C-alpha atoms as a PDB file:
ATOM      1  CA  ARG A   1      68.076  -5.421 -36.362  1.00  0.00           C
ATOM      2  CA  LEU A   2      71.234  -7.034 -37.646  1.00  0.00           C
ATOM      3  CA  ARG A   3      69.575 -10.442 -37.643  1.00  0.00           C
ATOM      4  CA  ARG A   4      66.528  -9.122 -39.501  1.00  0.00           C
ATOM      5  CA  PHE A   5      68.848  -8.032 -42.282  1.00  0.00           C
ATOM      6  CA  VAL A   6      71.689 -10.550 -42.338  1.00  0.00           C
ATOM      7  CA  PHE A   7      69.721 -13.788 -42.011  1.00  0.00           C
ATOM      8  CA  PRO A   8      67.232 -13.091 -44.828  1.00  0.00           C
ATOM      9  CA  MET A   9      69.975 -11.847 -47.150  1.00  0.00           C
ATOM     10  CA  SER A  10      72.130 -14.877 -46.364  1.00  0.00           C
ATOM     11  CA  ALA A  11      69.205 -17.239 -46.907  1.00  0.00           C
ATOM     12  CA  LEU A  12      68.309 -15.548 -50.184  1.00  0.00           C
ATOM     13  CA  PHE A  13      71.869 -15.809 -51.456  1.00  0.00           C
ATOM     14  CA  LEU A  14      72.271 -19.440 -50.375  1.00  0.00           C
ATOM     15  CA  ILE A  15      69.011 -20.454 -52.062  1.00  0.00           C
ATOM     16  CA  TRP A  16      70.109 -18.626 -55.233  1.00  0.00           C
ATOM     17  CA  TYR A  17      73.560 -20.244 -55.095  1.00  0.00           C
ATOM     18  CA  PHE A  18      72.305 -23.785 -54.455  1.00  0.00           C
ATOM     19  CA  ALA A  19      69.715 -23.394 -57.210  1.00  0.00           C
ATOM     20  CA  TYR A  20      72.586 -22.583 -59.575  1.00  0.00           C
ATOM     21  CA  VAL A  21      74.591 -25.581 -58.388  1.00  0.00           C
ATOM     22  CA  MET A  22      71.607 -27.936 -58.653  1.00  0.00           C
ATOM     23  CA  LEU A  23      70.714 -26.655 -62.116  1.00  0.00           C
ATOM     24  CA  GLY A  24      74.308 -27.167 -63.178  1.00  0.00           C
ATOM     25  CA  ALA A  25      74.315 -30.689 -61.779  1.00  0.00           C
ATOM     26  CA  PHE A  26      70.900 -31.917 -62.893  1.00  0.00           C
ATOM     27  CA  ALA A  27      69.540 -29.634 -65.631  1.00  0.00           C
ATOM     28  CA  HIS A  28      72.283 -29.800 -68.251  1.00  0.00           C
ATOM     29  CA  ASP A  29      69.878 -29.280 -71.137  1.00  0.00           C
ATOM     30  CA  PHE A  30      68.383 -26.174 -69.555  1.00  0.00           C
ATOM     31  CA  MET A  31      71.772 -24.674 -68.698  1.00  0.00           C
ATOM     32  CA  ALA A  32      73.013 -25.349 -72.247  1.00  0.00           C
ATOM     33  CA  ILE A  33      70.224 -23.404 -73.960  1.00  0.00           C
ATOM     34  CA  LYS A  34      71.852 -20.836 -76.235  1.00  0.00           C
ATOM     35  CA  VAL A  35      70.671 -17.306 -75.586  1.00  0.00           C
ATOM     36  CA  TRP A  36      72.891 -15.356 -77.950  1.00  0.00           C
ATOM     37  CA  GLY A  37      75.839 -16.724 -79.916  1.00  0.00           C
ATOM     38  CA  ASP A  38      77.907 -18.870 -77.568  1.00  0.00           C
ATOM     39  CA  VAL A  39      76.257 -17.381 -74.476  1.00  0.00           C
ATOM     40  CA  ASN A  40      74.016 -19.894 -72.737  1.00  0.00           C
ATOM     41  CA  VAL A  41      71.692 -19.860 -69.727  1.00  0.00           C
ATOM     42  CA  GLY A  42      74.364 -21.324 -67.441  1.00  0.00           C
ATOM     43  CA  LEU A  43      76.793 -18.539 -68.257  1.00  0.00           C
ATOM     44  CA  LEU A  44      74.159 -15.873 -67.642  1.00  0.00           C
ATOM     45  CA  ILE A  45      73.190 -17.373 -64.300  1.00  0.00           C
ATOM     46  CA  GLY A  46      76.873 -17.641 -63.357  1.00  0.00           C
ATOM     47  CA  ILE A  47      77.407 -13.966 -64.150  1.00  0.00           C
ATOM     48  CA  GLY A  48      74.243 -13.285 -62.164  1.00  0.00           C
ATOM     49  CA  GLN A  49      75.918 -14.930 -59.176  1.00  0.00           C
ATOM     50  CA  PHE A  50      78.737 -12.386 -59.313  1.00  0.00           C
ATOM     51  CA  ALA A  51      76.313  -9.508 -59.825  1.00  0.00           C
ATOM     52  CA  SER A  52      74.123 -10.593 -56.913  1.00  0.00           C
ATOM     53  CA  THR A  53      77.183 -10.837 -54.661  1.00  0.00           C
ATOM     54  CA  PHE A  54      78.071  -7.219 -55.428  1.00  0.00           C
ATOM     55  CA  VAL A  55      74.469  -6.088 -54.904  1.00  0.00           C
ATOM     56  CA  ILE A  56      74.184  -7.875 -51.553  1.00  0.00           C
ATOM     57  CA  THR A  57      77.535  -6.426 -50.475  1.00  0.00           C
ATOM     58  CA  GLY A  58      76.315  -2.954 -51.418  1.00  0.00           C
ATOM     59  CA  PHE A  59      73.126  -3.443 -49.393  1.00  0.00           C
ATOM     60  CA  TYR A  60      75.153  -4.600 -46.395  1.00  0.00           C
ATOM     61  CA  VAL A  61      77.493  -1.586 -46.608  1.00  0.00           C
ATOM     62  CA  TRP A  62      74.464   0.712 -46.790  1.00  0.00           C
ATOM     63  CA  PHE A  63      72.876  -1.068 -43.817  1.00  0.00           C
ATOM     64  CA  ALA A  64      76.081  -0.982 -41.765  1.00  0.00           C
ATOM     65  CA  ASN A  65      76.661   2.709 -42.461  1.00  0.00           C
ATOM     66  CA  ARG A  66      73.075   3.556 -41.561  1.00  0.00           C
ATOM     67  CA  GLU A  67      72.416   1.221 -38.616  1.00  0.00           C
ATOM     68  CA  LEU A  68      75.555  -0.336 -37.186  1.00  0.00           C
ATOM     69  CA  ASP A  69      78.189   2.386 -37.409  1.00  0.00           C
ATOM     70  CA  PRO A  70      76.174   4.967 -35.417  1.00  0.00           C
ATOM     71  CA  ARG A  71      75.611   2.392 -32.661  1.00  0.00           C
ATOM     72  CA  ALA A  72      79.277   1.439 -32.589  1.00  0.00           C
ATOM     73  CA  GLU A  73      80.256   5.106 -32.461  1.00  0.00           C
ATOM     74  CA  ALA A  74      77.867   5.731 -29.551  1.00  0.00           C
ATOM     75  CA  ILE A  75      79.301   2.777 -27.624  1.00  0.00           C
ATOM     76  CA  ARG A  76      82.837   3.957 -28.325  1.00  0.00           C
ATOM     77  CA  ALA A  77      82.042   7.511 -27.210  1.00  0.00           C
ATOM     78  CA  GLU A  78      80.442   6.189 -24.034  1.00  0.00           C
ATOM     79  CA  LEU A  79      83.432   3.993 -23.220  1.00  0.00           C
ATOM     80  CA  GLU A  80      85.992   6.681 -23.996  1.00  0.00           C
ATOM     81  CA  GLY A  81      84.013   9.265 -22.052  1.00  0.00           C
ATOM     82  CA  GLY A  82      83.736   6.972 -19.041  1.00  0.00           C
ATOM     83  CA  ALA A  83      87.469   6.223 -19.019  1.00  0.00           C
ATOM     84  CA  ALA A  84      88.516   9.881 -18.848  1.00  0.00           C
END
């Protein structure tokens, strides 16, 4: 289950990140398009990188609390119960 969650989320983030890097490297005109005042597309995508990092972290915390922590607790209880 961990792999079904972590690998797709990692792949999604890496694709998103490398798209940002490639756009910054090769699509200067696109990244320089003014959206509002001095705010351009590149700045918005850069802020989107930070936002997506927080969202992915939140999803992972939710997943870990729901899926991984109960398993870890069961293993711990089994090991501590067997040692007594």
